[in-house]
PDB file of N, CA and C in Angstrom:
ATOM      1  N   MET A   1     239.810   2.793 161.701  1.00  0.00           N
ATOM      2  CA  MET A   1     238.513   3.420 162.916  1.00  0.00           C
ATOM      3  C   MET A   1     238.011   4.528 161.869  1.00  0.00           C
ATOM      4  N   THR A   2     236.857   5.046 162.271  1.00  0.00           N
ATOM      5  CA  THR A   2     236.427   5.847 161.199  1.00  0.00           C
ATOM      6  C   THR A   2     235.993   7.307 161.885  1.00  0.00           C
ATOM      7  N   GLN A   3     236.357   7.498 161.627  1.00  0.00           N
ATOM      8  CA  GLN A   3     235.400   9.471 162.964  1.00  0.00           C
ATOM      9  C   GLN A   3     233.966   9.725 162.425  1.00  0.00           C
ATOM     10  N   ASP A   4     233.497   9.975 163.316  1.00  0.00           N
ATOM     11  CA  ASP A   4     232.420  10.333 163.070  1.00  0.00           C
ATOM     12  C   ASP A   4     232.587  12.595 163.414  1.00  0.00           C
ATOM     13  N   PRO A   5     231.520  12.186 162.140  1.00  0.00           N
ATOM     14  CA  PRO A   5     231.018  13.377 161.862  1.00  0.00           C
ATOM     15  C   PRO A   5     231.412  14.570 162.994  1.00  0.00           C
ATOM     16  N   ALA A   6     230.960  14.343 163.979  1.00  0.00           N
ATOM     17  CA  ALA A   6     230.440  15.267 164.664  1.00  0.00           C
ATOM     18  C   ALA A   6     231.893  15.516 165.872  1.00  0.00           C
ATOM     19  N   ASP A   7     232.386  14.776 165.030  1.00  0.00           N
ATOM     20  CA  ASP A   7     233.517  15.074 166.259  1.00  0.00           C
ATOM     21  C   ASP A   7     234.200  16.039 165.775  1.00  0.00           C
ATOM     22  N   VAL A   8     234.231  16.338 164.416  1.00  0.00           N
ATOM     23  CA  VAL A   8     235.227  17.180 163.784  1.00  0.00           C
ATOM     24  C   VAL A   8     234.830  18.050 163.923  1.00  0.00           C
ATOM     25  N   SER A   9     236.332  18.824 164.435  1.00  0.00           N
ATOM     26  CA  SER A   9     236.367  20.078 163.800  1.00  0.00           C
ATOM     27  C   SER A   9     235.713  21.353 164.076  1.00  0.00           C
ATOM     28  N   PHE A  10     235.173  22.513 164.208  1.00  0.00           N
ATOM     29  CA  PHE A  10     234.556  23.364 162.943  1.00  0.00           C
ATOM     30  C   PHE A  10     235.850  24.170 162.173  1.00  0.00           C
ATOM     31  N   ALA A  11     236.656  24.339 163.115  1.00  0.00           N
ATOM     32  CA  ALA A  11     237.865  24.301 161.932  1.00  0.00           C
ATOM     33  C   ALA A  11     238.137  23.881 160.866  1.00  0.00           C
ATOM     34  N   ALA A  12     238.041  22.149 161.150  1.00  0.00           N
ATOM     35  CA  ALA A  12     238.616  21.384 160.096  1.00  0.00           C
ATOM     36  C   ALA A  12     236.959  21.503 159.034  1.00  0.00           C
ATOM     37  N   ARG A  13     235.845  21.266 158.956  1.00  0.00           N
ATOM     38  CA  ARG A  13     234.935  21.616 158.689  1.00  0.00           C
ATOM     39  C   ARG A  13     235.478  23.022 157.862  1.00  0.00           C
ATOM     40  N   VAL A  14     235.711  24.374 158.074  1.00  0.00           N
ATOM     41  CA  VAL A  14     235.094  26.092 157.242  1.00  0.00           C
ATOM     42  C   VAL A  14     236.932  25.239 155.825  1.00  0.00           C
ATOM     43  N   LEU A  15     237.510  25.209 157.125  1.00  0.00           N
ATOM     44  CA  LEU A  15     238.972  24.319 155.822  1.00  0.00           C
ATOM     45  C   LEU A  15     238.676  23.708 155.120  1.00  0.00           C
ATOM     46  N   SER A  16     238.138  22.532 154.929  1.00  0.00           N
ATOM     47  CA  SER A  16     237.834  21.909 153.723  1.00  0.00           C
ATOM     48  C   SER A  16     237.004  22.602 152.678  1.00  0.00           C
ATOM     49  N   ARG A  17     236.136  23.182 153.426  1.00  0.00           N
ATOM     50  CA  ARG A  17     235.380  23.713 152.437  1.00  0.00           C
ATOM     51  C   ARG A  17     236.138  25.909 150.926  1.00  0.00           C
ATOM     52  N   VAL A  18     237.487  25.630 152.213  1.00  0.00           N
ATOM     53  CA  VAL A  18     238.027  26.521 151.337  1.00  0.00           C
ATOM     54  C   VAL A  18     238.684  25.861 149.748  1.00  0.00           C
ATOM     55  N   PRO A  19     238.315  27.046 148.728  1.00  0.00           N
ATOM     56  CA  PRO A  19     239.300  26.625 147.585  1.00  0.00           C
ATOM     57  C   PRO A  19     240.375  27.152 147.569  1.00  0.00           C
ATOM     58  N   SER A  20     241.205  26.153 146.354  1.00  0.00           N
ATOM     59  CA  SER A  20     242.648  26.647 145.993  1.00  0.00           C
ATOM     60  C   SER A  20     242.694  28.142 145.404  1.00  0.00           C
ATOM     61  N   MET A  21     243.855  28.898 146.062  1.00  0.00           N
ATOM     62  CA  MET A  21     244.165  30.065 145.450  1.00  0.00           C
ATOM     63  C   MET A  21     243.935  30.214 143.655  1.00  0.00           C
ATOM     64  N   GLY A  22     242.924  30.572 143.833  1.00  0.00           N
ATOM     65  CA  GLY A  22     243.657  31.758 142.464  1.00  0.00           C
ATOM     66  C   GLY A  22     243.885  32.747 141.829  1.00  0.00           C
ATOM     67  N   LYS A  23     243.736  33.338 140.540  1.00  0.00           N
ATOM     68  CA  LYS A  23     244.034  34.758 140.545  1.00  0.00           C
ATOM     69  C   LYS A  23     243.089  36.229 140.720  1.00  0.00           C
ATOM     70  N   GLY A  24     242.576  36.386 142.139  1.00  0.00           N
ATOM     71  CA  GLY A  24     241.618  37.063 142.250  1.00  0.00           C
ATOM     72  C   GLY A  24     242.077  38.014 143.767  1.00  0.00           C
ATOM     73  N   THR A  25     241.072  37.733 144.074  1.00  0.00           N
ATOM     74  CA  THR A  25     241.013  39.258 145.705  1.00  0.00           C
ATOM     75  C   THR A  25     242.341  38.677 146.787  1.00  0.00           C
ATOM     76  N   GLY A  26     242.427  36.906 146.607  1.00  0.00           N
ATOM     77  CA  GLY A  26     242.325  35.722 148.094  1.00  0.00           C
ATOM     78  C   GLY A  26     243.945  36.242 147.561  1.00  0.00           C
ATOM     79  N   SER A  27     244.695  36.548 145.987  1.00  0.00           N
ATOM     80  CA  SER A  27     246.335  36.145 145.494  1.00  0.00           C
ATOM     81  C   SER A  27     246.450  37.769 145.941  1.00  0.00           C
ATOM     82  N   PHE A  28     246.056  38.802 146.461  1.00  0.00           N
ATOM     83  CA  PHE A  28     246.635  39.410 146.070  1.00  0.00           C
ATOM     84  C   PHE A  28     247.626  40.153 147.194  1.00  0.00           C
ATOM     85  N   GLY A  29     247.200  39.090 148.274  1.00  0.00           N
ATOM     86  CA  GLY A  29     248.040  39.512 149.162  1.00  0.00           C
ATOM     87  C   GLY A  29     249.737  39.396 148.883  1.00  0.00           C
ATOM     88  N   LYS A  30     249.842  38.093 148.254  1.00  0.00           N
ATOM     89  CA  LYS A  30     251.073  37.628 147.588  1.00  0.00           C
ATOM     90  C   LYS A  30     252.205  38.052 146.584  1.00  0.00           C
ATOM     91  N   ARG A  31     251.272  39.469 146.546  1.00  0.00           N
ATOM     92  CA  ARG A  31     252.503  39.787 145.308  1.00  0.00           C
ATOM     93  C   ARG A  31     252.875  41.247 145.893  1.00  0.00           C
ATOM     94  N   ARG A  32     254.002  40.908 145.441  1.00  0.00           N
ATOM     95  CA  ARG A  32     255.700  42.177 146.684  1.00  0.00           C
ATOM     96  C   ARG A  32     256.060  42.422 145.565  1.00  0.00           C
ATOM     97  N   ASN A  33     256.509  42.543 144.327  1.00  0.00           N
ATOM     98  CA  ASN A  33     257.339  42.469 143.442  1.00  0.00           C
ATOM     99  C   ASN A  33     257.403  43.432 142.782  1.00  0.00           C
ATOM    100  N   LYS A  34     257.908  44.208 141.716  1.00  0.00           N
ATOM    101  CA  LYS A  34     257.632  44.960 141.181  1.00  0.00           C
ATOM    102  C   LYS A  34     258.279  44.030 139.362  1.00  0.00           C
ATOM    103  N   THR A  35     256.773  44.498 139.232  1.00  0.00           N
ATOM    104  CA  THR A  35     257.470  44.706 137.079  1.00  0.00           C
ATOM    105  C   THR A  35     257.279  45.511 136.376  1.00  0.00           C
ATOM    106  N   HIS A  36     256.831  46.807 137.226  1.00  0.00           N
ATOM    107  CA  HIS A  36     257.232  48.018 136.574  1.00  0.00           C
ATOM    108  C   HIS A  36     257.452  49.076 137.308  1.00  0.00           C
ATOM    109  N   THR A  37     258.297  50.214 136.171  1.00  0.00           N
ATOM    110  CA  THR A  37     259.013  51.128 136.777  1.00  0.00           C
ATOM    111  C   THR A  37     258.843  52.080 136.073  1.00  0.00           C
ATOM    112  N   LEU A  38     259.909  53.822 136.168  1.00  0.00           N
ATOM    113  CA  LEU A  38     259.616  54.829 135.372  1.00  0.00           C
ATOM    114  C   LEU A  38     260.441  54.746 134.374  1.00  0.00           C
ATOM    115  N   CYS A  39     259.703  55.254 133.078  1.00  0.00           N
ATOM    116  CA  CYS A  39     260.457  54.962 131.813  1.00  0.00           C
ATOM    117  C   CYS A  39     260.930  56.134 131.804  1.00  0.00           C
ATOM    118  N   VAL A  40     262.264  56.397 131.535  1.00  0.00           N
ATOM    119  CA  VAL A  40     263.102  57.618 130.911  1.00  0.00           C
ATOM    120  C   VAL A  40     262.743  58.485 129.455  1.00  0.00           C
ATOM    121  N   ARG A  41     261.555  57.871 129.353  1.00  0.00           N
ATOM    122  CA  ARG A  41     261.123  58.716 127.666  1.00  0.00           C
ATOM    123  C   ARG A  41     259.695  59.003 127.856  1.00  0.00           C
ATOM    124  N   CYS A  42     259.230  58.052 128.412  1.00  0.00           N
ATOM    125  CA  CYS A  42     257.398  59.122 128.964  1.00  0.00           C
ATOM    126  C   CYS A  42     257.456  59.161 130.122  1.00  0.00           C
ATOM    127  N   GLY A  43     258.245  59.021 130.674  1.00  0.00           N
ATOM    128  CA  GLY A  43     258.212  58.645 132.620  1.00  0.00           C
ATOM    129  C   GLY A  43     256.447  58.003 133.062  1.00  0.00           C
ATOM    130  N   ARG A  44     256.402  57.231 132.687  1.00  0.00           N
ATOM    131  CA  ARG A  44     255.398  56.451 133.118  1.00  0.00           C
ATOM    132  C   ARG A  44     255.533  55.575 133.712  1.00  0.00           C
ATOM    133  N   ARG A  45     255.151  55.121 134.799  1.00  0.00           N
ATOM    134  CA  ARG A  45     255.492  53.934 135.338  1.00  0.00           C
ATOM    135  C   ARG A  45     254.842  52.003 134.654  1.00  0.00           C
ATOM    136  N   SER A  46     255.370  52.054 133.531  1.00  0.00           N
ATOM    137  CA  SER A  46     254.891  51.290 132.292  1.00  0.00           C
ATOM    138  C   SER A  46     256.054  50.846 132.028  1.00  0.00           C
ATOM    139  N   PHE A  47     257.228  50.626 132.791  1.00  0.00           N
ATOM    140  CA  PHE A  47     258.664  50.260 131.775  1.00  0.00           C
ATOM    141  C   PHE A  47     258.951  48.950 132.730  1.00  0.00           C
ATOM    142  N   HIS A  48     258.761  47.396 131.625  1.00  0.00           N
ATOM    143  CA  HIS A  48     258.636  46.089 132.365  1.00  0.00           C
ATOM    144  C   HIS A  48     260.044  45.826 132.441  1.00  0.00           C
ATOM    145  N   LEU A  49     260.338  46.103 133.230  1.00  0.00           N
ATOM    146  CA  LEU A  49     261.794  45.796 134.383  1.00  0.00           C
ATOM    147  C   LEU A  49     262.708  44.411 133.483  1.00  0.00           C
ATOM    148  N   GLN A  50     261.604  43.212 133.643  1.00  0.00           N
ATOM    149  CA  GLN A  50     262.430  42.362 132.537  1.00  0.00           C
ATOM    150  C   GLN A  50     261.856  42.115 131.313  1.00  0.00           C
ATOM    151  N   LYS A  51     261.580  42.956 130.331  1.00  0.00           N
ATOM    152  CA  LYS A  51     261.225  42.502 129.318  1.00  0.00           C
ATOM    153  C   LYS A  51     262.639  43.566 128.882  1.00  0.00           C
ATOM    154  N   SER A  52     262.769  44.763 129.690  1.00  0.00           N
ATOM    155  CA  SER A  52     262.970  45.689 129.455  1.00  0.00           C
ATOM    156  C   SER A  52     262.567  47.009 128.038  1.00  0.00           C
ATOM    157  N   ARG A  53     262.107  46.587 127.854  1.00  0.00           N
ATOM    158  CA  ARG A  53     260.421  47.594 127.546  1.00  0.00           C
ATOM    159  C   ARG A  53     259.039  48.695 127.682  1.00  0.00           C
ATOM    160  N   CYS A  54     259.240  49.787 127.370  1.00  0.00           N
ATOM    161  CA  CYS A  54     257.936  50.413 127.944  1.00  0.00           C
ATOM    162  C   CYS A  54     256.854  49.881 127.277  1.00  0.00           C
ATOM    163  N   GLY A  55     255.684  49.481 128.775  1.00  0.00           N
ATOM    164  CA  GLY A  55     254.095  49.237 127.528  1.00  0.00           C
ATOM    165  C   GLY A  55     253.700  50.728 126.777  1.00  0.00           C
ATOM    166  N   ALA A  56     253.988  51.579 127.551  1.00  0.00           N
ATOM    167  CA  ALA A  56     253.295  53.052 126.790  1.00  0.00           C
ATOM    168  C   ALA A  56     253.247  53.765 125.924  1.00  0.00           C
ATOM    169  N   CYS A  57     255.475  54.010 125.640  1.00  0.00           N
ATOM    170  CA  CYS A  57     256.318  54.267 124.822  1.00  0.00           C
ATOM    171  C   CYS A  57     256.547  53.732 123.281  1.00  0.00           C
ATOM    172  N   GLY A  58     256.983  52.432 124.140  1.00  0.00           N
ATOM    173  CA  GLY A  58     257.886  51.799 123.529  1.00  0.00           C
ATOM    174  C   GLY A  58     259.965  50.955 123.549  1.00  0.00           C
ATOM    175  N   TYR A  59     259.431  52.811 124.584  1.00  0.00           N
ATOM    176  CA  TYR A  59     261.240  52.599 124.606  1.00  0.00           C
ATOM    177  C   TYR A  59     262.250  51.147 125.220  1.00  0.00           C
ATOM    178  N   PRO A  60     263.585  50.251 124.657  1.00  0.00           N
ATOM    179  CA  PRO A  60     264.154  51.473 124.086  1.00  0.00           C
ATOM    180  C   PRO A  60     264.085  52.023 122.041  1.00  0.00           C
ATOM    181  N   SER A  61     262.580  51.117 121.604  1.00  0.00           N
ATOM    182  CA  SER A  61     262.756  52.089 120.391  1.00  0.00           C
ATOM    183  C   SER A  61     262.540  52.608 119.485  1.00  0.00           C
ATOM    184  N   SER A  62     262.659  53.234 118.443  1.00  0.00           N
ATOM    185  CA  SER A  62     263.499  54.357 118.613  1.00  0.00           C
ATOM    186  C   SER A  62     262.466  54.863 118.185  1.00  0.00           C
ATOM    187  N   ARG A  63     260.745  54.230 117.720  1.00  0.00           N
ATOM    188  CA  ARG A  63     259.300  55.234 116.863  1.00  0.00           C
ATOM    189  C   ARG A  63     258.856  55.115 118.619  1.00  0.00           C
ATOM    190  N   ILE A  64     258.247  55.625 118.307  1.00  0.00           N
ATOM    191  CA  ILE A  64     256.675  55.946 119.815  1.00  0.00           C
ATOM    192  C   ILE A  64     255.263  55.352 119.613  1.00  0.00           C
ATOM    193  N   ARG A  65     255.770  54.357 120.218  1.00  0.00           N
ATOM    194  CA  ARG A  65     254.374  52.991 119.762  1.00  0.00           C
ATOM    195  C   ARG A  65     253.353  53.263 120.187  1.00  0.00           C
ATOM    196  N   LYS A  66     252.577  53.460 118.752  1.00  0.00           N
ATOM    197  CA  LYS A  66     251.120  54.296 118.615  1.00  0.00           C
ATOM    198  C   LYS A  66     250.526  52.822 118.135  1.00  0.00           C
ATOM    199  N   TYR A  67     248.954  52.551 118.149  1.00  0.00           N
ATOM    200  CA  TYR A  67     248.323  51.998 117.444  1.00  0.00           C
ATOM    201  C   TYR A  67     246.857  52.917 117.066  1.00  0.00           C
ATOM    202  N   ASN A  68     246.346  52.679 115.502  1.00  0.00           N
ATOM    203  CA  ASN A  68     244.726  53.572 115.405  1.00  0.00           C
ATOM    204  C   ASN A  68     243.687  52.531 116.280  1.00  0.00           C
ATOM    205  N   TRP A  69     243.879  51.291 116.631  1.00  0.00           N
ATOM    206  CA  TRP A  69     243.139  51.036 117.650  1.00  0.00           C
ATOM    207  C   TRP A  69     242.524  51.822 118.699  1.00  0.00           C
ATOM    208  N   SER A  70     243.665  52.085 119.605  1.00  0.00           N
ATOM    209  CA  SER A  70     243.255  53.485 119.743  1.00  0.00           C
ATOM    210  C   SER A  70     243.616  54.843 119.835  1.00  0.00           C
ATOM    211  N   VAL A  71     242.909  55.383 118.808  1.00  0.00           N
ATOM    212  CA  VAL A  71     242.352  56.469 118.680  1.00  0.00           C
ATOM    213  C   VAL A  71     242.438  57.887 120.565  1.00  0.00           C
ATOM    214  N   LYS A  72     241.661  57.051 120.830  1.00  0.00           N
ATOM    215  CA  LYS A  72     241.864  58.654 122.134  1.00  0.00           C
ATOM    216  C   LYS A  72     243.709  58.956 122.936  1.00  0.00           C
ATOM    217  N   ALA A  73     244.203  57.408 122.878  1.00  0.00           N
ATOM    218  CA  ALA A  73     244.813  57.735 123.332  1.00  0.00           C
ATOM    219  C   ALA A  73     245.794  58.442 122.840  1.00  0.00           C
ATOM    220  N   ILE A  74     245.947  58.244 121.229  1.00  0.00           N
ATOM    221  CA  ILE A  74     246.948  59.289 120.345  1.00  0.00           C
ATOM    222  C   ILE A  74     246.347  60.857 120.117  1.00  0.00           C
ATOM    223  N   ARG A  75     245.329  61.076 120.960  1.00  0.00           N
ATOM    224  CA  ARG A  75     244.581  62.357 120.660  1.00  0.00           C
ATOM    225  C   ARG A  75     245.141  62.583 121.943  1.00  0.00           C
ATOM    226  N   ARG A  76     245.409  62.353 122.932  1.00  0.00           N
ATOM    227  CA  ARG A  76     245.798  62.570 124.503  1.00  0.00           C
ATOM    228  C   ARG A  76     247.305  62.861 124.128  1.00  0.00           C
ATOM    229  N   LYS A  77     248.231  61.774 123.654  1.00  0.00           N
ATOM    230  CA  LYS A  77     249.180  62.656 123.244  1.00  0.00           C
ATOM    231  C   LYS A  77     250.227  63.251 122.042  1.00  0.00           C
ATOM    232  N   THR A  78     249.378  63.554 121.301  1.00  0.00           N
ATOM    233  CA  THR A  78     249.644  63.713 120.028  1.00  0.00           C
ATOM    234  C   THR A  78     250.340  65.374 120.530  1.00  0.00           C
ATOM    235  N   THR A  79     250.785  66.110 118.947  1.00  0.00           N
ATOM    236  CA  THR A  79     251.929  67.849 119.178  1.00  0.00           C
ATOM    237  C   THR A  79     249.934  68.172 119.377  1.00  0.00           C
ATOM    238  N   GLY A  80     250.276  69.340 120.527  1.00  0.00           N
ATOM    239  CA  GLY A  80     250.052  70.463 120.655  1.00  0.00           C
ATOM    240  C   GLY A  80     249.002  70.253 122.321  1.00  0.00           C
ATOM    241  N   THR A  81     249.671  68.929 122.975  1.00  0.00           N
ATOM    242  CA  THR A  81     249.194  68.894 124.513  1.00  0.00           C
ATOM    243  C   THR A  81     249.648  69.088 125.298  1.00  0.00           C
ATOM    244  N   GLY A  82     251.087  69.424 125.365  1.00  0.00           N
ATOM    245  CA  GLY A  82     252.294  70.055 125.939  1.00  0.00           C
ATOM    246  C   GLY A  82     252.832  71.636 125.523  1.00  0.00           C
ATOM    247  N   ARG A  83     253.619  71.959 125.789  1.00  0.00           N
ATOM    248  CA  ARG A  83     254.099  73.060 126.298  1.00  0.00           C
ATOM    249  C   ARG A  83     254.191  74.083 124.862  1.00  0.00           C
ATOM    250  N   MET A  84     254.791  72.986 124.016  1.00  0.00           N
ATOM    251  CA  MET A  84     255.227  73.312 122.639  1.00  0.00           C
ATOM    252  C   MET A  84     255.809  74.889 122.343  1.00  0.00           C
ATOM    253  N   ARG A  85     257.325  74.700 124.134  1.00  0.00           N
ATOM    254  CA  ARG A  85     257.936  76.188 123.736  1.00  0.00           C
ATOM    255  C   ARG A  85     258.555  76.774 121.939  1.00  0.00           C
ATOM    256  N   TYR A  86     259.244  75.063 121.359  1.00  0.00           N
ATOM    257  CA  TYR A  86     259.535  76.035 119.993  1.00  0.00           C
ATOM    258  C   TYR A  86     258.248  76.441 119.466  1.00  0.00           C
ATOM    259  N   LEU A  87     257.675  75.115 119.114  1.00  0.00           N
ATOM    260  CA  LEU A  87     256.509  75.167 117.764  1.00  0.00           C
ATOM    261  C   LEU A  87     255.521  76.248 118.123  1.00  0.00           C
ATOM    262  N   ARG A  88     255.251  76.766 119.061  1.00  0.00           N
ATOM    263  CA  ARG A  88     254.223  78.232 119.610  1.00  0.00           C
ATOM    264  C   ARG A  88     254.276  78.736 118.906  1.00  0.00           C
ATOM    265  N   HIS A  89     255.686  79.934 118.964  1.00  0.00           N
ATOM    266  CA  HIS A  89     256.650  80.844 117.522  1.00  0.00           C
ATOM    267  C   HIS A  89     256.766  80.762 116.631  1.00  0.00           C
ATOM    268  N   VAL A  90     256.187  79.191 115.758  1.00  0.00           N
ATOM    269  CA  VAL A  90     257.188  79.077 114.254  1.00  0.00           C
ATOM    270  C   VAL A  90     256.115  79.837 113.482  1.00  0.00           C
ATOM    271  N   ALA A  91     254.291  79.941 113.917  1.00  0.00           N
ATOM    272  CA  ALA A  91     254.334  79.874 113.059  1.00  0.00           C
ATOM    273  C   ALA A  91     253.513  82.087 112.560  1.00  0.00           C
ATOM    274  N   ARG A  92     254.156  83.076 113.924  1.00  0.00           N
ATOM    275  CA  ARG A  92     253.977  83.817 113.978  1.00  0.00           C
ATOM    276  C   ARG A  92     255.423  84.437 113.210  1.00  0.00           C
ATOM    277  N   ARG A  93     256.830  84.037 113.362  1.00  0.00           N
ATOM    278  CA  ARG A  93     257.775  83.299 112.592  1.00  0.00           C
ATOM    279  C   ARG A  93     258.071  83.572 111.096  1.00  0.00           C
ATOM    280  N   PHE A  94     257.163  82.794 110.835  1.00  0.00           N
ATOM    281  CA  PHE A  94     256.906  82.360 109.035  1.00  0.00           C
ATOM    282  C   PHE A  94     256.194  83.892 108.386  1.00  0.00           C
ATOM    283  N   LYS A  95     255.077  83.930 108.512  1.00  0.00           N
ATOM    284  CA  LYS A  95     254.876  85.048 108.454  1.00  0.00           C
ATOM    285  C   LYS A  95     255.521  85.970 108.200  1.00  0.00           C
ATOM    286  N   SER A  96     256.957  86.504 108.992  1.00  0.00           N
ATOM    287  CA  SER A  96     258.098  87.452 108.241  1.00  0.00           C
ATOM    288  C   SER A  96     259.555  86.776 107.340  1.00  0.00           C
ATOM    289  N   SER A  97     259.207  85.590 107.408  1.00  0.00           N
ATOM    290  CA  SER A  97     260.418  84.280 106.355  1.00  0.00           C
ATOM    291  C   SER A  97     261.017  83.921 107.613  1.00  0.00           C
ATOM    292  N   PHE A  98     260.972  84.413 108.786  1.00  0.00           N
ATOM    293  CA  PHE A  98     262.352  83.941 109.811  1.00  0.00           C
ATOM    294  C   PHE A  98     262.844  85.149 109.952  1.00  0.00           C
ATOM    295  N   ARG A  99     262.720  86.211 109.357  1.00  0.00           N
ATOM    296  CA  ARG A  99     263.667  87.082 109.552  1.00  0.00           C
ATOM    297  C   ARG A  99     263.605  87.732 111.261  1.00  0.00           C
ATOM    298  N   GLU A 100     264.740  88.709 111.416  1.00  0.00           N
ATOM    299  CA  GLU A 100     264.264  88.626 113.134  1.00  0.00           C
ATOM    300  C   GLU A 100     265.272  90.579 113.548  1.00  0.00           C
ATOM    301  N   GLY A 101     264.296  91.183 114.250  1.00  0.00           N
ATOM    302  CA  GLY A 101     264.875  92.444 114.369  1.00  0.00           C
ATOM    303  C   GLY A 101     264.841  92.791 113.603  1.00  0.00           C
ATOM    304  N   CYS A 102     264.265  92.968 111.908  1.00  0.00           N
ATOM    305  CA  CYS A 102     264.386  94.179 110.835  1.00  0.00           C
ATOM    306  C   CYS A 102     264.046  95.260 111.143  1.00  0.00           C
TER     307      CYS A 102
END
């Protein structure tokens, strides 16, 4: 026995047109596990838990991650953009050959 198209419910007609779930807006409600957490070296939320590697600074690698294809990122992170608590005073101390209290 075949069904008459007029007998099919509205919900069945709508659901038949819904595509299977892709990776777009509809799938974002399904995401509930953390892939990244805070990095102990740079403090950003870029440390990949399964890879055990930071995407921002490259920790646990001994060298800081930097690439010349991202010149702006190098400019943001280079020496002189932070406090420089020690390095600030080196130029002044150099003038007196690092003598103190003379």
